């Protein structure tokens, strides 16, 4: 459960970084899209497995 919380925190932190005005212009749009798509995928996985108690 601790690992899942850490993943969730990291994922949202990464998404916030992508939207940060200082970093926004330094990251190419194509790279931002790839990372944002993966972040969305991880968040959806976390939402679907909220009740999991064991590490999967």
PDB file of N, CA and C in Angstrom:
ATOM      1  N   UNK A   1       0.827  -1.191   0.000  1.00  0.00           N
ATOM      2  CA  UNK A   1       0.000   0.000   0.000  1.00  0.00           C
ATOM      3  C   UNK A   1       0.872   1.257   0.000  1.00  0.00           C
ATOM      4  N   UNK A   2       1.978   1.195   0.704  1.00  0.00           N
ATOM      5  CA  UNK A   2       2.887   2.334   0.769  1.00  0.00           C
ATOM      6  C   UNK A   2       3.469   2.651  -0.611  1.00  0.00           C
ATOM      7  N   UNK A   3       3.796   1.603  -1.357  1.00  0.00           N
ATOM      8  CA  UNK A   3       4.338   1.795  -2.706  1.00  0.00           C
ATOM      9  C   UNK A   3       3.286   2.428  -3.618  1.00  0.00           C
ATOM     10  N   UNK A   4       2.044   2.028  -3.445  1.00  0.00           N
ATOM     11  CA  UNK A   4       0.971   2.579  -4.279  1.00  0.00           C
ATOM     12  C   UNK A   4       0.767   4.065  -3.963  1.00  0.00           C
ATOM     13  N   UNK A   5       0.836   4.423  -2.701  1.00  0.00           N
ATOM     14  CA  UNK A   5       0.712   5.830  -2.319  1.00  0.00           C
ATOM     15  C   UNK A   5       1.870   6.650  -2.878  1.00  0.00           C
ATOM     16  N   UNK A   6       3.061   6.085  -2.833  1.00  0.00           N
ATOM     17  CA  UNK A   6       4.229   6.775  -3.379  1.00  0.00           C
ATOM     18  C   UNK A   6       4.078   6.967  -4.885  1.00  0.00           C
ATOM     19  N   UNK A   7       3.579   5.948  -5.572  1.00  0.00           N
ATOM     20  CA  UNK A   7       3.352   6.049  -7.013  1.00  0.00           C
ATOM     21  C   UNK A   7       2.320   7.130  -7.315  1.00  0.00           C
ATOM     22  N   UNK A   8       1.259   7.156  -6.539  1.00  0.00           N
ATOM     23  CA  UNK A   8       0.216   8.159  -6.751  1.00  0.00           C
ATOM     24  C   UNK A   8       0.771   9.568  -6.541  1.00  0.00           C
ATOM     25  N   UNK A   9       1.528   9.755  -5.474  1.00  0.00           N
ATOM     26  CA  UNK A   9       2.120  11.065  -5.204  1.00  0.00           C
ATOM     27  C   UNK A   9       3.065  11.481  -6.324  1.00  0.00           C
ATOM     28  N   UNK A  10       3.902  10.555  -6.773  1.00  0.00           N
ATOM     29  CA  UNK A  10       4.846  10.841  -7.849  1.00  0.00           C
ATOM     30  C   UNK A  10       4.112  11.193  -9.139  1.00  0.00           C
ATOM     31  N   UNK A  11       3.060  10.451  -9.435  1.00  0.00           N
ATOM     32  CA  UNK A  11       2.303  10.666 -10.666  1.00  0.00           C
ATOM     33  C   UNK A  11       1.677  12.056 -10.693  1.00  0.00           C
ATOM     34  N   UNK A  12       1.041  12.453  -9.597  1.00  0.00           N
ATOM     35  CA  UNK A  12       0.426  13.782  -9.559  1.00  0.00           C
ATOM     36  C   UNK A  12       1.490  14.882  -9.554  1.00  0.00           C
ATOM     37  N   UNK A  13       2.612  14.627  -8.913  1.00  0.00           N
ATOM     38  CA  UNK A  13       3.715  15.585  -8.925  1.00  0.00           C
ATOM     39  C   UNK A  13       4.247  15.781 -10.339  1.00  0.00           C
ATOM     40  N   UNK A  14       4.360  14.681 -11.065  1.00  0.00           N
ATOM     41  CA  UNK A  14       4.821  14.737 -12.448  1.00  0.00           C
ATOM     42  C   UNK A  14       3.843  15.533 -13.307  1.00  0.00           C
ATOM     43  N   UNK A  15       2.564  15.285 -13.128  1.00  0.00           N
ATOM     44  CA  UNK A  15       1.547  16.028 -13.894  1.00  0.00           C
ATOM     45  C   UNK A  15       1.629  17.522 -13.571  1.00  0.00           C
ATOM     46  N   UNK A  16       1.794  17.852 -12.297  1.00  0.00           N
ATOM     47  CA  UNK A  16       1.917  19.263 -11.915  1.00  0.00           C
ATOM     48  C   UNK A  16       3.157  19.894 -12.539  1.00  0.00           C
ATOM     49  N   UNK A  17       4.238  19.142 -12.591  1.00  0.00           N
ATOM     50  CA  UNK A  17       5.469  19.647 -13.206  1.00  0.00           C
ATOM     51  C   UNK A  17       5.269  19.925 -14.688  1.00  0.00           C
ATOM     52  N   UNK A  18       4.529  19.063 -15.366  1.00  0.00           N
ATOM     53  CA  UNK A  18       4.266  19.269 -16.792  1.00  0.00           C
ATOM     54  C   UNK A  18       3.491  20.560 -17.039  1.00  0.00           C
ATOM     55  N   UNK A  19       2.687  20.956 -16.076  1.00  0.00           N
ATOM     56  CA  UNK A  19       1.866  22.156 -16.223  1.00  0.00           C
ATOM     57  C   UNK A  19       2.511  23.404 -15.626  1.00  0.00           C
ATOM     58  N   UNK A  20       3.687  23.238 -15.029  1.00  0.00           N
ATOM     59  CA  UNK A  20       4.398  24.358 -14.428  1.00  0.00           C
ATOM     60  C   UNK A  20       4.846  25.332 -15.521  1.00  0.00           C
ATOM     61  N   UNK A  21       4.556  26.596 -15.335  1.00  0.00           N
ATOM     62  CA  UNK A  21       4.878  27.611 -16.346  1.00  0.00           C
ATOM     63  C   UNK A  21       6.376  27.669 -16.651  1.00  0.00           C
ATOM     64  N   UNK A  22       7.220  27.462 -15.644  1.00  0.00           N
ATOM     65  CA  UNK A  22       8.670  27.535 -15.848  1.00  0.00           C
ATOM     66  C   UNK A  22       9.185  26.381 -16.699  1.00  0.00           C
ATOM     67  N   UNK A  23       8.581  25.222 -16.549  1.00  0.00           N
ATOM     68  CA  UNK A  23       9.044  24.044 -17.283  1.00  0.00           C
ATOM     69  C   UNK A  23       8.300  23.829 -18.592  1.00  0.00           C
ATOM     70  N   UNK A  24       7.115  24.397 -18.683  1.00  0.00           N
ATOM     71  CA  UNK A  24       6.243  24.174 -19.836  1.00  0.00           C
ATOM     72  C   UNK A  24       6.949  24.420 -21.169  1.00  0.00           C
ATOM     73  N   UNK A  25       7.708  25.481 -21.235  1.00  0.00           N
ATOM     74  CA  UNK A  25       8.359  25.855 -22.489  1.00  0.00           C
ATOM     75  C   UNK A  25       9.630  25.059 -22.761  1.00  0.00           C
ATOM     76  N   UNK A  26      10.159  24.387 -21.766  1.00  0.00           N
ATOM     77  CA  UNK A  26      11.417  23.653 -21.929  1.00  0.00           C
ATOM     78  C   UNK A  26      11.220  22.223 -22.413  1.00  0.00           C
ATOM     79  N   UNK A  27       9.999  21.735 -22.322  1.00  0.00           N
ATOM     80  CA  UNK A  27       9.714  20.351 -22.708  1.00  0.00           C
ATOM     81  C   UNK A  27       8.958  20.366 -24.033  1.00  0.00           C
ATOM     82  N   UNK A  28       9.467  19.660 -25.033  1.00  0.00           N
ATOM     83  CA  UNK A  28       8.765  19.612 -26.323  1.00  0.00           C
ATOM     84  C   UNK A  28       7.350  19.035 -26.164  1.00  0.00           C
ATOM     85  N   UNK A  29       6.424  19.542 -26.968  1.00  0.00           N
ATOM     86  CA  UNK A  29       5.021  19.105 -26.898  1.00  0.00           C
ATOM     87  C   UNK A  29       4.875  17.592 -27.052  1.00  0.00           C
ATOM     88  N   UNK A  30       5.634  17.008 -27.968  1.00  0.00           N
ATOM     89  CA  UNK A  30       5.534  15.559 -28.193  1.00  0.00           C
ATOM     90  C   UNK A  30       5.919  14.793 -26.931  1.00  0.00           C
ATOM     91  N   UNK A  31       6.961  15.255 -26.239  1.00  0.00           N
ATOM     92  CA  UNK A  31       7.390  14.595 -25.004  1.00  0.00           C
ATOM     93  C   UNK A  31       6.348  14.774 -23.905  1.00  0.00           C
ATOM     94  N   UNK A  32       5.781  15.976 -23.820  1.00  0.00           N
ATOM     95  CA  UNK A  32       4.737  16.220 -22.817  1.00  0.00           C
ATOM     96  C   UNK A  32       3.548  15.303 -23.040  1.00  0.00           C
ATOM     97  N   UNK A  33       3.181  15.106 -24.296  1.00  0.00           N
ATOM     98  CA  UNK A  33       2.042  14.237 -24.607  1.00  0.00           C
ATOM     99  C   UNK A  33       2.321  12.806 -24.175  1.00  0.00           C
ATOM    100  N   UNK A  34       3.516  12.309 -24.464  1.00  0.00           N
ATOM    101  CA  UNK A  34       3.880  10.940 -24.082  1.00  0.00           C
ATOM    102  C   UNK A  34       3.798  10.780 -22.566  1.00  0.00           C
ATOM    103  N   UNK A  35       4.385  11.717 -21.842  1.00  0.00           N
ATOM    104  CA  UNK A  35       4.390  11.637 -20.379  1.00  0.00           C
ATOM    105  C   UNK A  35       2.976  11.794 -19.834  1.00  0.00           C
ATOM    106  N   UNK A  36       2.221  12.744 -20.364  1.00  0.00           N
ATOM    107  CA  UNK A  36       0.859  12.958 -19.878  1.00  0.00           C
ATOM    108  C   UNK A  36      -0.027  11.745 -20.138  1.00  0.00           C
ATOM    109  N   UNK A  37       0.139  11.114 -21.287  1.00  0.00           N
ATOM    110  CA  UNK A  37      -0.635   9.896 -21.578  1.00  0.00           C
ATOM    111  C   UNK A  37      -0.314   8.795 -20.572  1.00  0.00           C
ATOM    112  N   UNK A  38       0.961   8.640 -20.238  1.00  0.00           N
ATOM    113  CA  UNK A  38       1.363   7.608 -19.275  1.00  0.00           C
ATOM    114  C   UNK A  38       0.859   7.961 -17.877  1.00  0.00           C
ATOM    115  N   UNK A  39       0.924   9.225 -17.507  1.00  0.00           N
ATOM    116  CA  UNK A  39       0.410   9.668 -16.209  1.00  0.00           C
ATOM    117  C   UNK A  39      -1.082   9.353 -16.110  1.00  0.00           C
ATOM    118  N   UNK A  40      -1.823   9.649 -17.165  1.00  0.00           N
ATOM    119  CA  UNK A  40      -3.259   9.350 -17.191  1.00  0.00           C
ATOM    120  C   UNK A  40      -3.497   7.855 -17.040  1.00  0.00           C
ATOM    121  N   UNK A  41      -2.703   7.057 -17.721  1.00  0.00           N
ATOM    122  CA  UNK A  41      -2.834   5.599 -17.632  1.00  0.00           C
ATOM    123  C   UNK A  41      -2.590   5.109 -16.204  1.00  0.00           C
ATOM    124  N   UNK A  42      -1.567   5.637 -15.561  1.00  0.00           N
ATOM    125  CA  UNK A  42      -1.248   5.225 -14.189  1.00  0.00           C
ATOM    126  C   UNK A  42      -2.356   5.652 -13.233  1.00  0.00           C
ATOM    127  N   UNK A  43      -2.862   6.865 -13.389  1.00  0.00           N
ATOM    128  CA  UNK A  43      -3.943   7.345 -12.523  1.00  0.00           C
ATOM    129  C   UNK A  43      -5.188   6.479 -12.694  1.00  0.00           C
ATOM    130  N   UNK A  44      -5.503   6.117 -13.924  1.00  0.00           N
ATOM    131  CA  UNK A  44      -6.655   5.244 -14.164  1.00  0.00           C
ATOM    132  C   UNK A  44      -6.442   3.880 -13.516  1.00  0.00           C
ATOM    133  N   UNK A  45      -5.235   3.353 -13.587  1.00  0.00           N
ATOM    134  CA  UNK A  45      -4.934   2.072 -12.956  1.00  0.00           C
ATOM    135  C   UNK A  45      -5.094   2.190 -11.437  1.00  0.00           C
ATOM    136  N   UNK A  46      -4.562   3.266 -10.871  1.00  0.00           N
ATOM    137  CA  UNK A  46      -4.677   3.467  -9.427  1.00  0.00           C
ATOM    138  C   UNK A  46      -6.142   3.571  -9.005  1.00  0.00           C
ATOM    139  N   UNK A  47      -6.933   4.300  -9.776  1.00  0.00           N
ATOM    140  CA  UNK A  47      -8.363   4.436  -9.462  1.00  0.00           C
ATOM    141  C   UNK A  47      -9.080   3.088  -9.530  1.00  0.00           C
ATOM    142  N   UNK A  48      -8.710   2.274 -10.489  1.00  0.00           N
ATOM    143  CA  UNK A  48      -9.349   0.967 -10.665  1.00  0.00           C
ATOM    144  C   UNK A  48      -8.934  -0.027  -9.582  1.00  0.00           C
ATOM    145  N   UNK A  49      -7.807   0.231  -8.929  1.00  0.00           N
ATOM    146  CA  UNK A  49      -7.283  -0.703  -7.933  1.00  0.00           C
ATOM    147  C   UNK A  49      -7.177  -0.067  -6.548  1.00  0.00           C
ATOM    148  N   UNK A  50      -8.075   0.843  -6.239  1.00  0.00           N
ATOM    149  CA  UNK A  50      -8.038   1.527  -4.947  1.00  0.00           C
ATOM    150  C   UNK A  50      -8.167   0.582  -3.767  1.00  0.00           C
ATOM    151  N   UNK A  51      -8.944  -0.458  -3.917  1.00  0.00           N
ATOM    152  CA  UNK A  51      -9.207  -1.342  -2.782  1.00  0.00           C
ATOM    153  C   UNK A  51      -8.188  -2.464  -2.648  1.00  0.00           C
ATOM    154  N   UNK A  52      -7.226  -2.528  -3.547  1.00  0.00           N
ATOM    155  CA  UNK A  52      -6.209  -3.581  -3.472  1.00  0.00           C
ATOM    156  C   UNK A  52      -5.370  -3.397  -2.218  1.00  0.00           C
ATOM    157  N   UNK A  53      -5.153  -4.486  -1.513  1.00  0.00           N
ATOM    158  CA  UNK A  53      -4.369  -4.410  -0.285  1.00  0.00           C
ATOM    159  C   UNK A  53      -2.969  -4.965  -0.462  1.00  0.00           C
ATOM    160  N   UNK A  54      -2.787  -5.859  -1.412  1.00  0.00           N
ATOM    161  CA  UNK A  54      -1.478  -6.433  -1.668  1.00  0.00           C
ATOM    162  C   UNK A  54      -0.886  -5.767  -2.884  1.00  0.00           C
ATOM    163  N   UNK A  55       0.448  -5.754  -2.920  1.00  0.00           N
ATOM    164  CA  UNK A  55       1.102  -5.215  -4.102  1.00  0.00           C
ATOM    165  C   UNK A  55       0.862  -6.147  -5.266  1.00  0.00           C
ATOM    166  N   UNK A  56       0.546  -5.564  -6.420  1.00  0.00           N
ATOM    167  CA  UNK A  56       0.269  -6.371  -7.609  1.00  0.00           C
ATOM    168  C   UNK A  56       1.436  -6.331  -8.549  1.00  0.00           C
TER     169      UNK A  56
END
